[in-house]
Amino acid sequence: MKPFLLGCAGIAVVAITISAVIHLPSSQEDGGGIGRTPPDDGSPAVHRHHRAGSRDGNEEVAFEKIPAGAKRESALRQLANRRATDDPQKAVRWAESLVSEPEREVALNLIAVAWGKKNPLLAIGLAERHHLSQGIVDAISGQWGKTDVQAAMEWALRLPAQTEQENALLQILSARAEIDPATAARLVTEQLPPGQAQDEAIMTVLHHWLRSDESAAVAWVENFPDGELKTRAESEITGFLSYRAAASRLE
């Protein structure tokens, strides 16, 4: 890819196949696999396992007794979040067992987003497997951009469709710009090819950078080559400064 402003440092893209992680096994062949109860040998670990299973069963029974309404919705969210933290694979099987399609979708959405904090690639596979909304995939990829932006970029650059790739990159870079705009600025100029997608990503990074370090953001734009993008970026800076001045007068 040709860089827009900076010399391209290059990137070693690791091929990641989503289909390889979509399947969530319900059990493993050994005795300690998920979905199988280990023999009771009197060990503390085994008793903890039985207590956890009993607790889960009691929670399921209690949840099913809650009538439709706000209380049931709240209980569903709490149960989905806790189960996703305890055992994501078991949480998925529980969500899949829910009879109500809206409740099943809400539970799967919550589990995917929670799982994305620990294993974003697997969470995206879950979202694709269950045809969850694009917003869920965007949320996961955005989280990924904050925790491991390089891995997230490598994944996005391997997406087969250009529109998917551009959307994923925008989500990742926007999220990264919230906490580290300088790195996001470097990535957007080094690893995205010139074009509309890069322009939009640059404007998104600039938007965040102005709010955290105005001087650095202005200096970045000053190095842009003359043209439509630089004019647009300078207009964004002018608008930001005018808005800030007006807000200060109202205080």
Protein backbone atom coordinates (compact mmCIF):
# COMPACT_ATOMS: atom_id res chain seq x y z
CA MET A 1 0.00 0.00 0.00
CA LYS A 2 1.24 3.53 -0.72
CA PRO A 3 1.33 5.75 2.34
CA PHE A 4 -0.45 9.08 2.30
CA LEU A 5 1.89 11.25 4.32
CA LEU A 6 4.57 9.17 5.90
CA GLY A 7 6.98 6.59 4.60
CA CYS A 8 5.32 3.20 4.75
CA ALA A 9 6.84 1.11 7.52
CA GLY A 10 5.13 -1.99 6.25
CA ILE A 11 3.15 -4.55 8.18
CA ALA A 12 3.41 -8.29 8.55
CA VAL A 13 -0.18 -9.38 8.12
CA VAL A 14 -1.09 -12.63 9.79
CA ALA A 15 -3.78 -14.62 7.99
CA ILE A 16 -6.65 -15.25 10.40
CA THR A 17 -9.58 -17.38 9.33
CA ILE A 18 -12.76 -16.52 11.19
CA SER A 19 -14.40 -19.83 10.25
CA ALA A 20 -11.72 -21.66 12.19
CA VAL A 21 -12.97 -20.22 15.46
CA ILE A 22 -16.71 -19.97 14.86
CA HIS A 23 -17.48 -23.46 16.13
CA LEU A 24 -17.90 -23.53 19.87
CA PRO A 25 -17.42 -27.12 21.11
CA SER A 26 -19.96 -28.35 23.65
CA SER A 27 -17.55 -30.82 25.14
CA GLN A 28 -14.01 -32.13 24.96
CA GLU A 29 -12.82 -35.69 24.73
CA ASP A 30 -11.10 -35.74 28.09
CA GLY A 31 -12.96 -36.04 31.33
CA GLY A 32 -12.49 -32.40 32.26
CA GLY A 33 -14.13 -30.98 29.15
CA ILE A 34 -16.95 -28.49 29.18
CA GLY A 35 -20.34 -30.10 29.50
CA ARG A 36 -19.03 -33.22 31.26
CA THR A 37 -19.08 -33.74 35.02
CA PRO A 38 -15.82 -35.05 36.43
CA PRO A 39 -15.96 -37.97 38.82
CA ASP A 40 -16.40 -36.98 42.44
CA ASP A 41 -13.07 -37.84 44.03
CA GLY A 42 -13.70 -35.66 47.04
CA SER A 43 -11.38 -32.90 45.87
CA PRO A 44 -12.27 -29.23 46.52
CA ALA A 45 -12.20 -28.50 42.78
CA VAL A 46 -14.87 -31.11 42.10
CA HIS A 47 -17.10 -29.79 44.87
CA ARG A 48 -16.72 -26.27 43.49
CA HIS A 49 -17.74 -27.60 40.08
CA HIS A 50 -20.90 -29.18 41.54
CA ARG A 51 -21.76 -26.01 43.48
CA ALA A 52 -21.35 -23.89 40.34
CA GLY A 53 -23.57 -26.25 38.37
CA SER A 54 -26.21 -26.16 41.09
CA ARG A 55 -26.06 -22.37 41.22
CA ASP A 56 -26.46 -22.09 37.44
CA GLY A 57 -29.44 -24.43 37.51
CA ASN A 58 -31.09 -22.48 40.31
CA GLU A 59 -30.55 -19.21 38.43
CA GLU A 60 -32.14 -20.65 35.31
CA VAL A 61 -35.20 -21.80 37.24
CA ALA A 62 -35.48 -18.44 39.00
CA PHE A 63 -35.12 -16.52 35.74
CA GLU A 64 -37.84 -18.51 33.98
CA LYS A 65 -40.28 -17.65 36.79
CA ILE A 66 -39.86 -13.89 36.29
CA PRO A 67 -42.76 -12.45 34.25
CA ALA A 68 -42.13 -10.36 31.14
CA GLY A 69 -41.15 -6.79 31.87
CA ALA A 70 -38.30 -4.60 33.08
CA LYS A 71 -37.37 -6.92 35.94
CA ARG A 72 -36.97 -9.87 33.58
CA GLU A 73 -34.92 -7.78 31.14
CA SER A 74 -32.61 -6.70 33.94
CA ALA A 75 -32.25 -10.27 35.18
CA LEU A 76 -31.45 -11.45 31.65
CA ARG A 77 -28.66 -8.89 31.30
CA GLN A 78 -27.16 -9.68 34.68
CA LEU A 79 -27.26 -13.41 34.04
CA ALA A 80 -25.75 -13.09 30.55
CA ASN A 81 -22.91 -10.85 31.75
CA ARG A 82 -22.07 -13.05 34.72
CA ARG A 83 -22.13 -16.24 32.68
CA ALA A 84 -19.98 -14.68 29.98
CA THR A 85 -17.40 -13.86 32.65
CA ASP A 86 -17.52 -17.30 34.28
CA ASP A 87 -17.59 -19.54 31.21
CA PRO A 88 -18.25 -17.99 27.76
CA GLN A 89 -18.85 -21.31 26.00
CA LYS A 90 -21.36 -22.42 28.60
CA ALA A 91 -22.95 -18.98 28.43
CA VAL A 92 -23.44 -19.38 24.68
CA ARG A 93 -25.13 -22.76 25.09
CA TRP A 94 -27.45 -21.25 27.71
CA ALA A 95 -28.31 -18.33 25.42
CA GLU A 96 -28.98 -20.69 22.52
CA SER A 97 -31.45 -22.59 24.72
CA LEU A 98 -33.62 -19.54 25.40
CA VAL A 99 -37.04 -19.97 23.81
CA SER A 100 -37.72 -16.27 23.21
CA GLU A 101 -35.88 -15.08 20.11
CA PRO A 102 -35.53 -11.46 21.35
CA GLU A 103 -34.13 -12.69 24.67
CA ARG A 104 -31.81 -15.08 22.87
CA GLU A 105 -30.49 -12.24 20.70
CA VAL A 106 -29.98 -9.89 23.67
CA ALA A 107 -28.13 -12.59 25.61
CA LEU A 108 -25.89 -13.47 22.66
CA ASN A 109 -25.14 -9.79 22.05
CA LEU A 110 -24.08 -9.28 25.66
CA ILE A 111 -22.01 -12.45 25.71
CA ALA A 112 -20.24 -11.55 22.46
CA VAL A 113 -19.33 -8.06 23.66
CA ALA A 114 -18.17 -9.35 27.05
CA TRP A 115 -16.17 -12.11 25.39
CA GLY A 116 -14.62 -9.58 23.03
CA LYS A 117 -12.72 -8.03 25.92
CA LYS A 118 -10.76 -11.26 26.38
CA ASN A 119 -10.81 -12.92 22.96
CA PRO A 120 -12.08 -10.55 20.25
CA LEU A 121 -11.45 -12.92 17.37
CA LEU A 122 -13.52 -15.66 18.96
CA ALA A 123 -16.22 -13.12 19.86
CA ILE A 124 -16.43 -11.96 16.24
CA GLY A 125 -16.75 -15.59 15.21
CA LEU A 126 -19.66 -15.95 17.64
CA ALA A 127 -21.31 -12.83 16.20
CA GLU A 128 -20.97 -14.18 12.65
CA ARG A 129 -22.20 -17.63 13.60
CA HIS A 130 -25.40 -16.22 15.07
CA HIS A 131 -25.80 -13.42 12.52
CA LEU A 132 -25.65 -10.72 15.17
CA SER A 133 -25.91 -7.09 14.10
CA GLN A 134 -23.04 -5.22 12.51
CA GLY A 135 -23.12 -2.93 15.52
CA ILE A 136 -21.98 -5.81 17.74
CA VAL A 137 -19.04 -6.59 15.45
CA ASP A 138 -18.18 -2.89 15.40
CA ALA A 139 -18.25 -2.76 19.20
CA ILE A 140 -15.94 -5.77 19.45
CA SER A 141 -13.48 -4.46 16.87
CA GLY A 142 -13.48 -1.07 18.60
CA GLN A 143 -12.63 -2.72 21.92
CA TRP A 144 -9.89 -4.64 20.16
CA GLY A 145 -8.44 -1.41 18.82
CA LYS A 146 -8.02 -0.17 22.38
CA THR A 147 -6.38 -3.32 23.76
CA ASP A 148 -4.26 -4.57 20.83
CA VAL A 149 -4.47 -2.22 17.89
CA GLN A 150 -1.81 -4.01 15.82
CA ALA A 151 -3.60 -7.37 15.98
CA ALA A 152 -6.92 -5.67 15.26
CA MET A 153 -5.46 -3.94 12.20
CA GLU A 154 -4.01 -7.19 10.92
CA TRP A 155 -7.42 -8.84 11.23
CA ALA A 156 -9.19 -5.96 9.49
CA LEU A 157 -6.71 -5.89 6.61
CA ARG A 158 -7.44 -9.57 5.93
CA LEU A 159 -11.19 -9.14 5.54
CA PRO A 160 -12.19 -10.19 2.02
CA ALA A 161 -14.62 -7.38 1.16
CA GLN A 162 -13.30 -3.84 0.80
CA THR A 163 -16.36 -2.29 2.47
CA GLU A 164 -15.98 -4.63 5.48
CA GLN A 165 -12.30 -3.85 5.67
CA GLU A 166 -12.81 -0.10 5.54
CA ASN A 167 -15.56 -0.18 8.16
CA ALA A 168 -13.50 -2.35 10.52
CA LEU A 169 -10.45 -0.11 10.16
CA LEU A 170 -12.52 2.98 10.88
CA GLN A 171 -13.95 1.40 14.05
CA ILE A 172 -10.51 0.30 15.22
CA LEU A 173 -8.77 3.60 14.54
CA SER A 174 -11.59 5.66 16.00
CA ALA A 175 -11.49 3.67 19.22
CA ARG A 176 -7.71 3.89 19.38
CA ALA A 177 -7.81 7.64 18.82
CA GLU A 178 -9.88 8.00 21.99
CA ILE A 179 -6.97 6.80 24.13
CA ASP A 180 -3.90 7.19 21.89
CA PRO A 181 -4.47 9.59 18.98
CA ALA A 182 -0.79 9.80 18.06
CA THR A 183 -0.61 6.07 17.36
CA ALA A 184 -3.92 6.17 15.51
CA ALA A 185 -2.58 9.02 13.35
CA ARG A 186 0.55 7.05 12.51
CA LEU A 187 -1.42 3.93 11.60
CA VAL A 188 -3.96 5.73 9.45
CA THR A 189 -1.24 7.37 7.35
CA GLU A 190 1.06 4.35 7.15
CA GLN A 191 -1.33 1.47 6.67
CA LEU A 192 -4.37 2.82 4.83
CA PRO A 193 -4.14 3.56 1.11
CA PRO A 194 -5.08 7.03 -0.15
CA GLY A 195 -8.77 7.44 -0.79
CA GLN A 196 -12.09 8.20 0.84
CA ALA A 197 -11.69 5.56 3.56
CA GLN A 198 -8.35 7.01 4.63
CA ASP A 199 -9.73 10.55 4.52
CA GLU A 200 -12.63 9.64 6.79
CA ALA A 201 -10.32 7.83 9.20
CA ILE A 202 -8.01 10.87 9.31
CA MET A 203 -10.92 13.17 10.11
CA THR A 204 -12.08 10.81 12.85
CA VAL A 205 -8.62 10.73 14.42
CA LEU A 206 -8.36 14.51 14.18
CA HIS A 207 -11.74 14.88 15.88
CA HIS A 208 -10.53 12.92 18.90
CA TRP A 209 -7.03 14.39 18.95
CA LEU A 210 -8.28 17.98 19.08
CA ARG A 211 -10.09 17.17 22.30
CA SER A 212 -7.09 15.65 24.04
CA ASP A 213 -4.11 17.58 22.63
CA GLU A 214 -5.03 20.50 20.43
CA SER A 215 -1.44 21.60 19.71
CA ALA A 216 -0.35 18.15 18.55
CA ALA A 217 -3.42 17.79 16.35
CA VAL A 218 -2.82 21.17 14.69
CA ALA A 219 0.85 20.32 14.12
CA TRP A 220 -0.19 17.05 12.48
CA VAL A 221 -2.48 18.82 10.04
CA GLU A 222 0.18 21.40 9.19
CA ASN A 223 2.25 18.60 7.66
CA PHE A 224 -0.55 17.54 5.30
CA PRO A 225 0.13 18.30 1.63
CA ASP A 226 -1.98 21.10 0.18
CA GLY A 227 -5.28 19.86 -1.15
CA GLU A 228 -8.89 19.09 -0.35
CA LEU A 229 -8.12 16.98 2.72
CA LYS A 230 -5.93 19.62 4.33
CA THR A 231 -8.57 22.27 3.68
CA ARG A 232 -11.20 20.05 5.26
CA ALA A 233 -8.99 19.33 8.27
CA GLU A 234 -8.22 23.04 8.78
CA SER A 235 -11.96 23.74 8.64
CA GLU A 236 -12.50 21.11 11.34
CA ILE A 237 -9.87 22.82 13.52
CA THR A 238 -11.46 26.25 12.98
CA GLY A 239 -14.88 24.90 13.87
CA PHE A 240 -13.54 23.23 16.99
CA LEU A 241 -11.79 26.40 18.19
CA SER A 242 -14.91 28.50 17.53
CA TYR A 243 -17.10 26.06 19.42
CA ARG A 244 -14.70 25.98 22.36
CA ALA A 245 -14.53 29.77 22.49
CA ALA A 246 -18.32 30.05 22.43
CA ALA A 247 -18.65 27.45 25.18
CA SER A 248 -16.11 29.33 27.32
CA ARG A 249 -18.12 32.56 27.02
CA LEU A 250 -21.23 30.79 28.29
CA GLU A 251 -19.49 29.50 31.43
